[in-house]
Amino acid sequence: MSRSNPVAAVASGRITCKAAIAGTPLALLKKGFTRRLVRSRARTAPMAFCTWRVPPRTAGKRLVGSIALTFRGKTARRAFALRVR
């Protein structure tokens, strides 16, 4: 999510993290902001992240979740799904 200035990235706000395997919610270990390299530009930008505990013996199962960032009353949400390796 960016402010009205498209060059300024958001580095604060409320992060919401949800993930589940076979309908069972995963334990959230950590959430916050980190800086990552932006490929289209030769510099880093802030990014929201979430880390969950994935139980053993779940390889091959489908993990679904979402990460949302709320800043100044606006929310950006990204859903994802993947197979646990």
N, C-alpha and C. Protein backbone atom coordinates (compact mmCIF):
# COMPACT_ATOMS: atom_id res chain seq x y z
N MET A 1 0.86 -1.16 0.00
CA MET A 1 0.00 0.00 0.00
C MET A 1 0.90 1.22 0.00
N SER A 2 0.55 2.20 -0.76
CA SER A 2 1.32 3.43 -0.75
C SER A 2 0.40 4.61 -0.51
N ARG A 3 0.99 5.68 -0.07
CA ARG A 3 0.23 6.89 0.21
C ARG A 3 -0.19 7.52 -1.10
N SER A 4 -0.77 8.72 -1.02
CA SER A 4 -1.19 9.39 -2.25
C SER A 4 0.01 9.66 -3.15
N ASN A 5 1.19 9.75 -2.56
CA ASN A 5 2.42 9.87 -3.33
C ASN A 5 2.84 8.45 -3.71
N PRO A 6 2.76 8.05 -4.98
CA PRO A 6 3.04 6.66 -5.36
C PRO A 6 4.48 6.22 -5.12
N VAL A 7 5.38 7.16 -4.87
CA VAL A 7 6.78 6.79 -4.64
C VAL A 7 7.02 6.46 -3.18
N ALA A 8 6.21 7.00 -2.27
CA ALA A 8 6.40 6.79 -0.84
C ALA A 8 5.69 5.52 -0.39
N ALA A 9 6.45 4.55 0.08
CA ALA A 9 5.88 3.29 0.56
C ALA A 9 5.46 3.44 2.02
N VAL A 10 4.52 2.62 2.45
CA VAL A 10 4.03 2.65 3.82
C VAL A 10 4.90 1.74 4.69
N ALA A 11 5.41 2.26 5.80
CA ALA A 11 6.26 1.48 6.70
C ALA A 11 5.66 1.41 8.10
N SER A 12 4.36 1.69 8.20
CA SER A 12 3.68 1.58 9.49
C SER A 12 2.22 1.24 9.23
N GLY A 13 1.52 0.90 10.28
CA GLY A 13 0.11 0.54 10.16
C GLY A 13 -0.16 -0.74 10.92
N ARG A 14 -1.40 -1.23 10.84
CA ARG A 14 -1.79 -2.45 11.53
C ARG A 14 -1.73 -3.62 10.56
N ILE A 15 -0.96 -4.64 10.91
CA ILE A 15 -0.80 -5.83 10.08
C ILE A 15 -1.70 -6.93 10.66
N THR A 16 -2.48 -7.58 9.79
CA THR A 16 -3.32 -8.70 10.18
C THR A 16 -2.88 -9.92 9.39
N CYS A 17 -2.60 -11.03 10.09
CA CYS A 17 -2.08 -12.24 9.46
C CYS A 17 -3.01 -13.42 9.76
N LYS A 18 -3.42 -14.15 8.73
CA LYS A 18 -4.24 -15.34 8.91
C LYS A 18 -3.70 -16.44 8.01
N ALA A 19 -3.65 -17.66 8.54
CA ALA A 19 -3.24 -18.82 7.74
C ALA A 19 -3.82 -20.08 8.37
N ALA A 20 -4.11 -21.07 7.52
CA ALA A 20 -4.68 -22.32 7.99
C ALA A 20 -4.29 -23.45 7.05
N ILE A 21 -4.24 -24.66 7.61
CA ILE A 21 -4.04 -25.88 6.84
C ILE A 21 -5.23 -26.78 7.16
N ALA A 22 -5.95 -27.19 6.13
CA ALA A 22 -7.14 -28.04 6.29
C ALA A 22 -8.11 -27.43 7.29
N GLY A 23 -8.26 -26.11 7.27
CA GLY A 23 -9.21 -25.44 8.15
C GLY A 23 -8.70 -25.17 9.56
N THR A 24 -7.52 -25.68 9.90
CA THR A 24 -6.95 -25.46 11.23
C THR A 24 -6.05 -24.24 11.21
N PRO A 25 -6.37 -23.22 12.00
CA PRO A 25 -5.54 -22.01 12.01
C PRO A 25 -4.11 -22.30 12.47
N LEU A 26 -3.16 -21.62 11.86
CA LEU A 26 -1.75 -21.76 12.25
C LEU A 26 -1.40 -20.72 13.29
N ALA A 27 -0.46 -21.06 14.17
CA ALA A 27 0.01 -20.13 15.20
C ALA A 27 0.91 -19.08 14.56
N LEU A 28 0.60 -17.83 14.82
CA LEU A 28 1.40 -16.71 14.32
C LEU A 28 2.61 -16.55 15.23
N LEU A 29 3.81 -16.58 14.65
CA LEU A 29 5.04 -16.41 15.43
C LEU A 29 5.50 -14.97 15.47
N LYS A 30 5.38 -14.28 14.33
CA LYS A 30 5.92 -12.93 14.25
C LYS A 30 5.26 -12.18 13.10
N LYS A 31 5.12 -10.87 13.27
CA LYS A 31 4.66 -10.00 12.18
C LYS A 31 5.34 -8.66 12.35
N GLY A 32 5.49 -7.96 11.24
CA GLY A 32 6.15 -6.66 11.31
C GLY A 32 6.51 -6.14 9.93
N PHE A 33 7.47 -5.24 9.91
CA PHE A 33 7.95 -4.65 8.66
C PHE A 33 9.42 -4.99 8.47
N THR A 34 9.81 -5.20 7.24
CA THR A 34 11.20 -5.44 6.88
C THR A 34 11.48 -4.64 5.62
N ARG A 35 12.72 -4.55 5.24
CA ARG A 35 13.08 -3.84 4.00
C ARG A 35 13.56 -4.87 2.99
N ARG A 36 13.03 -4.79 1.78
CA ARG A 36 13.39 -5.71 0.70
C ARG A 36 13.79 -4.93 -0.54
N LEU A 37 14.64 -5.53 -1.34
CA LEU A 37 15.07 -4.91 -2.59
C LEU A 37 13.91 -4.91 -3.59
N VAL A 38 13.66 -3.76 -4.18
CA VAL A 38 12.64 -3.63 -5.22
C VAL A 38 13.34 -3.81 -6.55
N ARG A 39 12.95 -4.83 -7.31
CA ARG A 39 13.65 -5.15 -8.56
C ARG A 39 13.57 -4.04 -9.59
N SER A 40 12.44 -3.34 -9.64
CA SER A 40 12.28 -2.30 -10.66
C SER A 40 13.10 -1.06 -10.34
N ARG A 41 13.54 -0.96 -9.09
CA ARG A 41 14.39 0.17 -8.68
C ARG A 41 15.59 -0.39 -7.94
N ALA A 42 16.67 0.31 -7.96
CA ALA A 42 17.89 -0.18 -7.29
C ALA A 42 17.93 0.29 -5.84
N ARG A 43 16.84 0.04 -5.10
CA ARG A 43 16.82 0.41 -3.68
C ARG A 43 15.85 -0.49 -2.92
N THR A 44 15.87 -0.38 -1.60
CA THR A 44 14.98 -1.20 -0.80
C THR A 44 13.70 -0.44 -0.45
N ALA A 45 12.67 -1.18 -0.13
CA ALA A 45 11.39 -0.60 0.26
C ALA A 45 10.82 -1.41 1.43
N PRO A 46 10.06 -0.76 2.30
CA PRO A 46 9.47 -1.50 3.43
C PRO A 46 8.40 -2.48 2.95
N MET A 47 8.31 -3.63 3.64
CA MET A 47 7.33 -4.66 3.32
C MET A 47 6.78 -5.24 4.61
N ALA A 48 5.49 -5.49 4.65
CA ALA A 48 4.89 -6.18 5.79
C ALA A 48 5.17 -7.68 5.65
N PHE A 49 5.37 -8.37 6.79
CA PHE A 49 5.58 -9.81 6.73
C PHE A 49 4.89 -10.49 7.92
N CYS A 50 4.61 -11.77 7.75
CA CYS A 50 4.04 -12.62 8.80
C CYS A 50 4.79 -13.94 8.78
N THR A 51 5.00 -14.53 9.96
CA THR A 51 5.65 -15.83 10.07
C THR A 51 4.76 -16.73 10.93
N TRP A 52 4.45 -17.93 10.42
CA TRP A 52 3.61 -18.87 11.15
C TRP A 52 4.38 -20.13 11.48
N ARG A 53 3.92 -20.85 12.50
CA ARG A 53 4.47 -22.17 12.82
C ARG A 53 3.69 -23.20 11.99
N VAL A 54 4.40 -23.93 11.14
CA VAL A 54 3.77 -24.97 10.31
C VAL A 54 4.03 -26.31 11.00
N PRO A 55 2.98 -27.02 11.38
CA PRO A 55 3.16 -28.28 12.10
C PRO A 55 3.91 -29.33 11.27
N PRO A 56 4.61 -30.22 11.94
CA PRO A 56 5.28 -31.31 11.22
C PRO A 56 4.23 -32.23 10.57
N ARG A 57 4.65 -32.97 9.61
CA ARG A 57 3.79 -33.94 8.90
C ARG A 57 2.64 -33.28 8.15
N THR A 58 2.85 -32.06 7.66
CA THR A 58 1.81 -31.41 6.84
C THR A 58 2.28 -31.26 5.39
N ALA A 59 3.40 -31.88 5.05
CA ALA A 59 3.91 -31.79 3.68
C ALA A 59 2.86 -32.28 2.70
N GLY A 60 2.69 -31.53 1.61
CA GLY A 60 1.73 -31.88 0.58
C GLY A 60 0.35 -31.30 0.80
N LYS A 61 0.08 -30.80 2.00
CA LYS A 61 -1.23 -30.21 2.27
C LYS A 61 -1.26 -28.76 1.80
N ARG A 62 -2.46 -28.25 1.60
CA ARG A 62 -2.65 -26.89 1.10
C ARG A 62 -2.74 -25.91 2.26
N LEU A 63 -1.91 -24.89 2.21
CA LEU A 63 -1.92 -23.81 3.20
C LEU A 63 -2.56 -22.59 2.53
N VAL A 64 -3.56 -22.01 3.16
CA VAL A 64 -4.21 -20.81 2.63
C VAL A 64 -4.14 -19.72 3.69
N GLY A 65 -4.04 -18.49 3.23
CA GLY A 65 -3.97 -17.40 4.19
C GLY A 65 -4.07 -16.04 3.54
N SER A 66 -3.89 -15.03 4.38
CA SER A 66 -3.92 -13.66 3.89
C SER A 66 -3.10 -12.77 4.81
N ILE A 67 -2.60 -11.69 4.23
CA ILE A 67 -1.89 -10.65 4.97
C ILE A 67 -2.58 -9.35 4.61
N ALA A 68 -2.95 -8.58 5.63
CA ALA A 68 -3.62 -7.29 5.40
C ALA A 68 -2.86 -6.19 6.14
N LEU A 69 -2.84 -5.02 5.53
CA LEU A 69 -2.21 -3.85 6.14
C LEU A 69 -3.23 -2.72 6.13
N THR A 70 -3.51 -2.18 7.31
CA THR A 70 -4.43 -1.06 7.44
C THR A 70 -3.62 0.18 7.81
N PHE A 71 -3.81 1.24 7.02
CA PHE A 71 -3.08 2.50 7.23
C PHE A 71 -4.03 3.65 6.94
N ARG A 72 -4.21 4.51 7.92
CA ARG A 72 -5.09 5.67 7.78
C ARG A 72 -6.49 5.29 7.28
N GLY A 73 -7.03 4.21 7.84
CA GLY A 73 -8.39 3.81 7.52
C GLY A 73 -8.57 3.02 6.23
N LYS A 74 -7.51 2.82 5.47
CA LYS A 74 -7.59 2.05 4.22
C LYS A 74 -6.86 0.72 4.43
N THR A 75 -7.41 -0.33 3.85
CA THR A 75 -6.83 -1.66 4.01
C THR A 75 -6.45 -2.26 2.66
N ALA A 76 -5.24 -2.80 2.60
CA ALA A 76 -4.79 -3.57 1.43
C ALA A 76 -4.63 -5.01 1.91
N ARG A 77 -5.17 -5.96 1.15
CA ARG A 77 -5.14 -7.36 1.56
C ARG A 77 -4.63 -8.21 0.41
N ARG A 78 -3.80 -9.18 0.74
CA ARG A 78 -3.29 -10.11 -0.26
C ARG A 78 -3.54 -11.53 0.24
N ALA A 79 -4.27 -12.31 -0.52
CA ALA A 79 -4.53 -13.71 -0.18
C ALA A 79 -3.52 -14.59 -0.92
N PHE A 80 -3.24 -15.76 -0.35
CA PHE A 80 -2.30 -16.68 -0.99
C PHE A 80 -2.70 -18.12 -0.66
N ALA A 81 -2.22 -19.04 -1.47
CA ALA A 81 -2.41 -20.47 -1.24
C ALA A 81 -1.19 -21.18 -1.79
N LEU A 82 -0.73 -22.22 -1.08
CA LEU A 82 0.44 -22.97 -1.53
C LEU A 82 0.42 -24.36 -0.93
N ARG A 83 1.22 -25.24 -1.49
CA ARG A 83 1.40 -26.59 -0.95
C ARG A 83 2.60 -26.57 -0.02
N VAL A 84 2.44 -27.17 1.15
CA VAL A 84 3.54 -27.25 2.11
C VAL A 84 4.56 -28.24 1.59
N ARG A 85 5.84 -27.87 1.64
CA ARG A 85 6.91 -28.77 1.19
C ARG A 85 7.60 -29.41 2.36
